[in-house]
Amino acid sequence: MAEQNPAAPQRWPYVLGCGFAMGAADVVPGVSGGTMAFILGIYGTLLEAISGFDFELLGLLRRGAWAEAAARVHLGFLVPLLAGLLGSVLVLVRPITWLYVNQPVLLFAFFFGLILGSIVLIARHAHWGAAGLVAMVIGVVAALVLVTRTPVTMPHDPFTIFWSGAVAIMAMILPGVSGSFLLLVLGQYQHVMEGVKALDLATLVPFALGCATGLLLFVRLLSWLLKRWHGQTVALLMGFMAGSLWKIWPFRTVLESTTNAKGKLIVLRDALAAPPSGSAFAMALLLMGLGVLLVLGLERVQQRMGAAEMGG
């Protein structure tokens, strides 16, 4: 998954836009920012940048080798990416949350098209044999198992919050798997969200440490897999994305739900449903088509900006 250096001056607007897209995806429950990174051709560089935060980086900083340290973590890439991601969350959290509550069919139809288009596009560029097909099936099954789990009741002690943060952040970096959804499955989502609102350090500190630990360890494993078994790993990630389509199919029926302390409805278990009308299905198909077309357009942008082809 080799890519050209995205920190080049002519690339930073593209990276800024990638961060904006990742932030928009992370705001939507069930959609992963890692999916957007994969679609936009920056996934490999993102993994390399995160992997650069290690003891060697500390050594460079102690010696005052600032330029080498910046190059190790792709600072020219991370800065616009994080700026775009943060800006996206701040700008889009209200409208996307409103769409999620009031127009979920339209929102998820569009994201369904985005992911479907990216799967087709990655399949066109990736290369693998029988082992890759097996890996893809494993990815599909694993994603389906994750996204169909019923939330469980877990304690909120520091150790549980720590490993929940590690699991959630690993999911966020995987295309197709939502970290916020896994927090919900682990019974920690509401507790962590309340901790963020109240700035409760007893919750935020172990959660942040868990996220940092999980991210640094998992990214190294994923980078190693991509270098050693590139085709099979890409196929596995494609499987995760394909399996996640179950969770974002726009038409659903609630099987089990509850309410939190504030009276907000929390869906515990749902299932796929048929479109309620022909017009609703037509509108969903239109938005899915727009999502697919956007991915095809992004491929053109990748080629013009010098980004790597998706899938390697």
Protein backbone atom coordinates (compact mmCIF):
# COMPACT_ATOMS: atom_id res chain seq x y z
CA MET A 1 0.00 0.00 0.00
CA ALA A 2 2.82 2.35 -0.84
CA GLU A 3 1.88 5.97 -1.36
CA GLN A 4 3.63 9.15 -2.36
CA ASN A 5 4.33 11.63 0.40
CA PRO A 6 1.01 13.36 1.07
CA ALA A 7 2.77 16.18 2.85
CA ALA A 8 3.81 17.77 -0.43
CA PRO A 9 2.55 21.37 -0.72
CA GLN A 10 0.26 20.60 -3.66
CA ARG A 11 -1.38 17.82 -1.64
CA TRP A 12 -2.31 19.52 1.62
CA PRO A 13 -5.74 20.78 0.41
CA TYR A 14 -6.56 17.20 -0.57
CA VAL A 15 -5.44 15.88 2.83
CA LEU A 16 -7.49 18.62 4.53
CA GLY A 17 -10.52 17.43 2.57
CA CYS A 18 -9.77 13.83 3.56
CA GLY A 19 -9.79 14.84 7.22
CA PHE A 20 -13.10 16.61 6.69
CA ALA A 21 -14.59 13.46 5.17
CA MET A 22 -13.26 11.28 8.00
CA GLY A 23 -14.76 13.59 10.61
CA ALA A 24 -18.13 13.52 8.86
CA ALA A 25 -18.08 9.71 8.88
CA ASP A 26 -17.08 9.48 12.55
CA VAL A 27 -20.07 11.63 13.52
CA VAL A 28 -22.44 9.01 12.06
CA PRO A 29 -22.96 5.93 14.28
CA GLY A 30 -22.24 2.80 12.26
CA VAL A 31 -19.80 4.48 9.85
CA SER A 32 -16.02 4.41 10.32
CA GLY A 33 -13.56 7.21 9.64
CA GLY A 34 -11.18 4.44 8.60
CA THR A 35 -13.56 3.69 5.73
CA MET A 36 -13.16 7.23 4.42
CA ALA A 37 -9.36 7.03 4.72
CA PHE A 38 -9.43 3.78 2.75
CA ILE A 39 -11.73 5.23 0.08
CA LEU A 40 -9.59 8.36 -0.29
CA GLY A 41 -6.29 6.51 -0.73
CA ILE A 42 -4.57 7.81 2.41
CA TYR A 43 -4.98 4.72 4.61
CA GLY A 44 -1.41 3.46 4.25
CA THR A 45 0.11 6.85 5.03
CA LEU A 46 -2.20 7.25 8.03
CA LEU A 47 -0.95 3.94 9.44
CA GLU A 48 2.68 4.94 8.82
CA ALA A 49 2.16 8.30 10.55
CA ILE A 50 0.63 6.71 13.65
CA SER A 51 3.33 4.02 13.72
CA GLY A 52 5.95 6.78 13.88
CA PHE A 53 4.98 7.62 17.47
CA ASP A 54 7.49 5.33 19.18
CA PHE A 55 10.69 5.32 21.24
CA GLU A 56 12.77 6.24 18.18
CA LEU A 57 10.70 9.42 17.86
CA LEU A 58 11.45 10.24 21.50
CA GLY A 59 15.14 9.80 20.77
CA LEU A 60 14.95 12.19 17.82
CA LEU A 61 13.16 14.76 19.97
CA ARG A 62 15.75 14.46 22.75
CA ARG A 63 18.54 15.09 20.21
CA GLY A 64 16.69 18.08 18.79
CA ALA A 65 16.35 16.44 15.36
CA TRP A 66 13.09 18.24 14.69
CA ALA A 67 13.04 17.77 10.92
CA GLU A 68 13.64 14.02 11.20
CA ALA A 69 11.01 13.73 13.92
CA ALA A 70 8.47 15.60 11.79
CA ALA A 71 9.23 13.39 8.81
CA ARG A 72 8.88 10.22 10.92
CA VAL A 73 5.27 11.01 11.86
CA HIS A 74 4.42 12.65 8.49
CA LEU A 75 3.68 15.90 10.32
CA GLY A 76 2.91 17.72 7.06
CA PHE A 77 0.21 15.10 6.51
CA LEU A 78 -1.13 14.83 10.07
CA VAL A 79 -1.60 18.55 10.65
CA PRO A 80 -4.01 19.22 7.73
CA LEU A 81 -5.68 15.83 8.29
CA LEU A 82 -6.41 16.54 11.97
CA ALA A 83 -7.41 20.12 11.15
CA GLY A 84 -9.91 18.87 8.59
CA LEU A 85 -11.20 16.16 10.94
CA LEU A 86 -11.69 18.54 13.87
CA GLY A 87 -13.24 21.21 11.66
CA SER A 88 -15.62 18.66 10.18
CA VAL A 89 -16.80 17.47 13.59
CA LEU A 90 -17.38 21.04 14.77
CA VAL A 91 -19.19 22.11 11.59
CA LEU A 92 -21.15 18.96 10.75
CA VAL A 93 -22.02 17.46 14.14
CA ARG A 94 -25.31 19.37 14.32
CA PRO A 95 -26.58 18.89 10.74
CA ILE A 96 -25.51 15.23 10.57
CA THR A 97 -26.96 14.52 14.01
CA TRP A 98 -30.18 16.17 12.83
CA LEU A 99 -30.20 14.01 9.69
CA TYR A 100 -29.49 10.91 11.80
CA VAL A 101 -32.52 11.64 14.00
CA ASN A 102 -34.92 13.05 11.40
CA GLN A 103 -33.82 11.60 8.02
CA PRO A 104 -31.84 8.42 8.79
CA VAL A 105 -32.95 6.69 5.58
CA LEU A 106 -31.50 9.43 3.38
CA LEU A 107 -28.28 9.69 5.40
CA PHE A 108 -27.58 5.97 5.47
CA ALA A 109 -28.57 5.47 1.84
CA PHE A 110 -25.85 7.94 0.84
CA PHE A 111 -23.22 6.27 3.04
CA PHE A 112 -24.35 2.85 1.77
CA GLY A 113 -23.56 4.04 -1.75
CA LEU A 114 -20.18 5.40 -0.67
CA ILE A 115 -19.10 2.10 0.85
CA LEU A 116 -20.58 0.00 -1.94
CA GLY A 117 -18.77 2.08 -4.56
CA SER A 118 -15.49 1.87 -2.66
CA ILE A 119 -15.74 -1.93 -2.43
CA VAL A 120 -16.21 -2.17 -6.20
CA LEU A 121 -13.36 0.25 -6.80
CA ILE A 122 -10.95 -1.49 -4.43
CA ALA A 123 -11.81 -4.86 -5.95
CA ARG A 124 -10.93 -3.46 -9.36
CA HIS A 125 -7.48 -2.38 -8.25
CA ALA A 126 -6.54 -5.05 -5.71
CA HIS A 127 -4.88 -8.35 -6.58
CA TRP A 128 -5.27 -11.58 -4.66
CA GLY A 129 -5.92 -15.29 -5.18
CA ALA A 130 -7.83 -17.96 -3.30
CA ALA A 131 -6.26 -16.90 0.02
CA GLY A 132 -7.57 -13.38 -0.53
CA LEU A 133 -11.09 -14.64 -1.15
CA VAL A 134 -10.94 -16.63 2.09
CA ALA A 135 -9.69 -13.53 3.92
CA MET A 136 -12.55 -11.48 2.47
CA VAL A 137 -15.12 -14.02 3.67
CA ILE A 138 -13.54 -13.96 7.14
CA GLY A 139 -13.79 -10.15 7.12
CA VAL A 140 -17.47 -10.26 6.13
CA VAL A 141 -18.31 -12.78 8.87
CA ALA A 142 -16.31 -10.90 11.53
CA ALA A 143 -18.01 -7.60 10.67
CA LEU A 144 -21.46 -9.20 10.74
CA VAL A 145 -20.74 -10.73 14.15
CA LEU A 146 -19.65 -7.32 15.49
CA VAL A 147 -22.49 -5.22 14.08
CA THR A 148 -25.24 -7.64 15.08
CA ARG A 149 -24.18 -8.01 18.71
CA THR A 150 -26.67 -6.94 21.36
CA PRO A 151 -25.22 -4.40 23.82
CA VAL A 152 -24.12 -5.95 27.10
CA THR A 153 -23.97 -4.59 30.63
CA MET A 154 -20.40 -3.98 31.79
CA PRO A 155 -18.93 -2.28 34.87
CA HIS A 156 -17.50 1.22 34.57
CA ASP A 157 -14.29 0.70 36.54
CA PRO A 158 -11.02 2.21 35.17
CA PHE A 159 -9.68 -1.11 33.84
CA THR A 160 -12.88 -1.89 31.89
CA ILE A 161 -12.96 1.65 30.50
CA PHE A 162 -9.26 1.32 29.53
CA TRP A 163 -9.66 -1.85 27.47
CA SER A 164 -12.97 -0.63 26.04
CA GLY A 165 -11.13 2.42 24.72
CA ALA A 166 -8.44 0.18 23.22
CA VAL A 167 -11.04 -1.99 21.46
CA ALA A 168 -13.04 1.03 20.23
CA ILE A 169 -10.02 2.81 18.74
CA MET A 170 -8.92 -0.37 16.95
CA ALA A 171 -12.37 -0.53 15.40
CA MET A 172 -12.21 3.12 14.35
CA ILE A 173 -9.04 2.52 12.32
CA LEU A 174 -10.61 -0.49 10.56
CA PRO A 175 -12.64 0.33 7.46
CA GLY A 176 -16.26 -0.63 7.95
CA VAL A 177 -16.33 -0.97 11.73
CA SER A 178 -17.61 1.84 13.94
CA GLY A 179 -15.78 2.38 17.22
CA SER A 180 -18.78 4.18 18.73
CA PHE A 181 -20.93 1.15 17.91
CA LEU A 182 -18.49 -1.18 19.69
CA LEU A 183 -18.62 1.09 22.74
CA LEU A 184 -22.38 0.67 22.62
CA VAL A 185 -21.98 -3.13 22.40
CA LEU A 186 -19.62 -3.05 25.39
CA GLY A 187 -22.10 -1.00 27.40
CA GLN A 188 -19.71 1.96 27.68
CA TYR A 189 -21.04 4.43 25.08
CA GLN A 190 -23.43 6.37 27.33
CA HIS A 191 -20.95 6.41 30.23
CA VAL A 192 -18.10 7.71 28.06
CA MET A 193 -20.32 10.35 26.38
CA GLU A 194 -21.47 11.59 29.78
CA GLY A 195 -17.83 11.66 30.90
CA VAL A 196 -16.92 13.82 27.89
CA LYS A 197 -19.74 16.28 28.59
CA ALA A 198 -18.85 16.53 32.29
CA LEU A 199 -15.06 16.44 31.69
CA ASP A 200 -14.90 13.58 34.20
CA LEU A 201 -11.17 12.73 34.42
CA ALA A 202 -11.90 9.44 36.19
CA THR A 203 -13.52 8.31 32.95
CA LEU A 204 -11.56 10.29 30.35
CA VAL A 205 -8.02 9.44 31.55
CA PRO A 206 -8.32 5.61 31.42
CA PHE A 207 -10.32 5.85 28.20
CA ALA A 208 -7.69 8.07 26.54
CA LEU A 209 -4.87 5.80 27.73
CA GLY A 210 -6.71 2.79 26.34
CA CYS A 211 -7.23 4.53 23.00
CA ALA A 212 -3.55 5.49 22.76
CA THR A 213 -2.39 1.98 23.69
CA GLY A 214 -4.78 0.22 21.32
CA LEU A 215 -4.00 2.58 18.46
CA LEU A 216 -0.21 2.31 18.70
CA LEU A 217 -0.21 -1.48 19.07
CA PHE A 218 -2.90 -2.27 16.51
CA VAL A 219 -1.58 0.06 13.82
CA ARG A 220 1.82 -1.66 13.97
CA LEU A 221 0.16 -5.05 13.53
CA LEU A 222 -1.96 -3.80 10.65
CA SER A 223 1.02 -2.14 8.95
CA TRP A 224 3.02 -5.37 9.26
CA LEU A 225 0.17 -7.38 7.75
CA LEU A 226 -0.14 -4.94 4.83
CA LYS A 227 3.59 -5.21 4.11
CA ARG A 228 3.76 -8.99 4.40
CA TRP A 229 0.38 -10.08 3.03
CA HIS A 230 -0.86 -7.02 1.20
CA GLY A 231 -3.46 -8.62 -1.05
CA GLN A 232 -4.95 -10.82 1.65
CA THR A 233 -5.07 -7.94 4.16
CA VAL A 234 -6.78 -5.63 1.66
CA ALA A 235 -9.25 -8.45 0.98
CA LEU A 236 -9.88 -8.80 4.72
CA LEU A 237 -10.51 -5.05 5.02
CA MET A 238 -12.85 -5.22 2.03
CA GLY A 239 -14.72 -7.96 3.84
CA PHE A 240 -15.10 -5.73 6.89
CA MET A 241 -16.53 -2.99 4.67
CA ALA A 242 -18.92 -5.41 2.95
CA GLY A 243 -20.10 -6.82 6.26
CA SER A 244 -20.72 -3.32 7.61
CA LEU A 245 -23.30 -2.74 4.86
CA TRP A 246 -25.73 -4.73 7.01
CA LYS A 247 -25.55 -2.04 9.70
CA ILE A 248 -26.13 0.91 7.37
CA TRP A 249 -28.86 -0.53 5.15
CA PRO A 250 -31.27 2.44 5.31
CA PHE A 251 -34.50 0.51 5.94
CA ARG A 252 -34.66 -1.16 9.36
CA THR A 253 -37.11 -2.35 11.97
CA VAL A 254 -36.45 -2.12 15.72
CA LEU A 255 -36.64 -5.45 17.55
CA GLU A 256 -35.56 -4.33 21.01
CA SER A 257 -35.00 -0.90 22.54
CA THR A 258 -34.68 0.92 25.84
CA THR A 259 -34.47 4.49 27.12
CA ASN A 260 -31.58 6.11 28.92
CA ALA A 261 -31.75 8.36 31.98
CA LYS A 262 -32.73 11.33 29.81
CA GLY A 263 -35.56 9.48 28.11
CA LYS A 264 -33.70 9.06 24.81
CA LEU A 265 -34.54 5.92 22.83
CA ILE A 266 -31.60 3.51 22.53
CA VAL A 267 -31.89 0.74 19.94
CA LEU A 268 -30.52 -2.52 21.31
CA ARG A 269 -31.38 -4.81 18.41
CA ASP A 270 -32.75 -4.22 14.92
CA ALA A 271 -33.12 -6.03 11.61
CA LEU A 272 -33.26 -5.29 7.90
CA ALA A 273 -36.63 -4.22 6.54
CA ALA A 274 -38.17 -3.73 3.12
CA PRO A 275 -38.70 -0.17 1.83
CA PRO A 276 -42.07 1.18 3.02
CA SER A 277 -42.95 2.51 -0.45
CA GLY A 278 -41.70 2.65 -4.01
CA SER A 279 -40.94 6.37 -3.72
CA ALA A 280 -38.85 5.84 -0.57
CA PHE A 281 -36.90 3.09 -2.32
CA ALA A 282 -36.38 5.27 -5.39
CA MET A 283 -35.04 8.13 -3.27
CA ALA A 284 -32.71 5.74 -1.43
CA LEU A 285 -31.46 4.33 -4.75
CA LEU A 286 -30.81 7.85 -6.01
CA LEU A 287 -28.72 8.71 -2.95
CA MET A 288 -26.88 5.39 -3.16
CA GLY A 289 -26.10 6.19 -6.78
CA LEU A 290 -24.79 9.61 -5.77
CA GLY A 291 -22.55 7.93 -3.21
CA VAL A 292 -21.15 5.55 -5.84
CA LEU A 293 -20.60 8.44 -8.29
CA LEU A 294 -18.81 10.41 -5.58
CA VAL A 295 -16.39 7.53 -5.03
CA LEU A 296 -15.71 7.34 -8.77
CA GLY A 297 -15.11 11.08 -8.76
CA LEU A 298 -12.74 10.74 -5.83
CA GLU A 299 -10.76 8.19 -7.82
CA ARG A 300 -10.22 10.84 -10.50
CA VAL A 301 -9.16 13.32 -7.83
CA GLN A 302 -6.72 10.74 -6.40
CA GLN A 303 -5.13 10.28 -9.79
CA ARG A 304 -4.78 14.03 -10.35
CA MET A 305 -3.40 14.64 -6.84
CA GLY A 306 -0.94 11.72 -7.03
CA ALA A 307 -2.62 9.66 -4.29
CA ALA A 308 -2.26 5.90 -4.37
CA GLU A 309 -4.89 3.74 -6.00
CA MET A 310 -7.20 2.16 -3.45
CA GLY A 311 -6.19 -1.34 -2.66
CA GLY A 312 -2.59 -0.83 -3.80
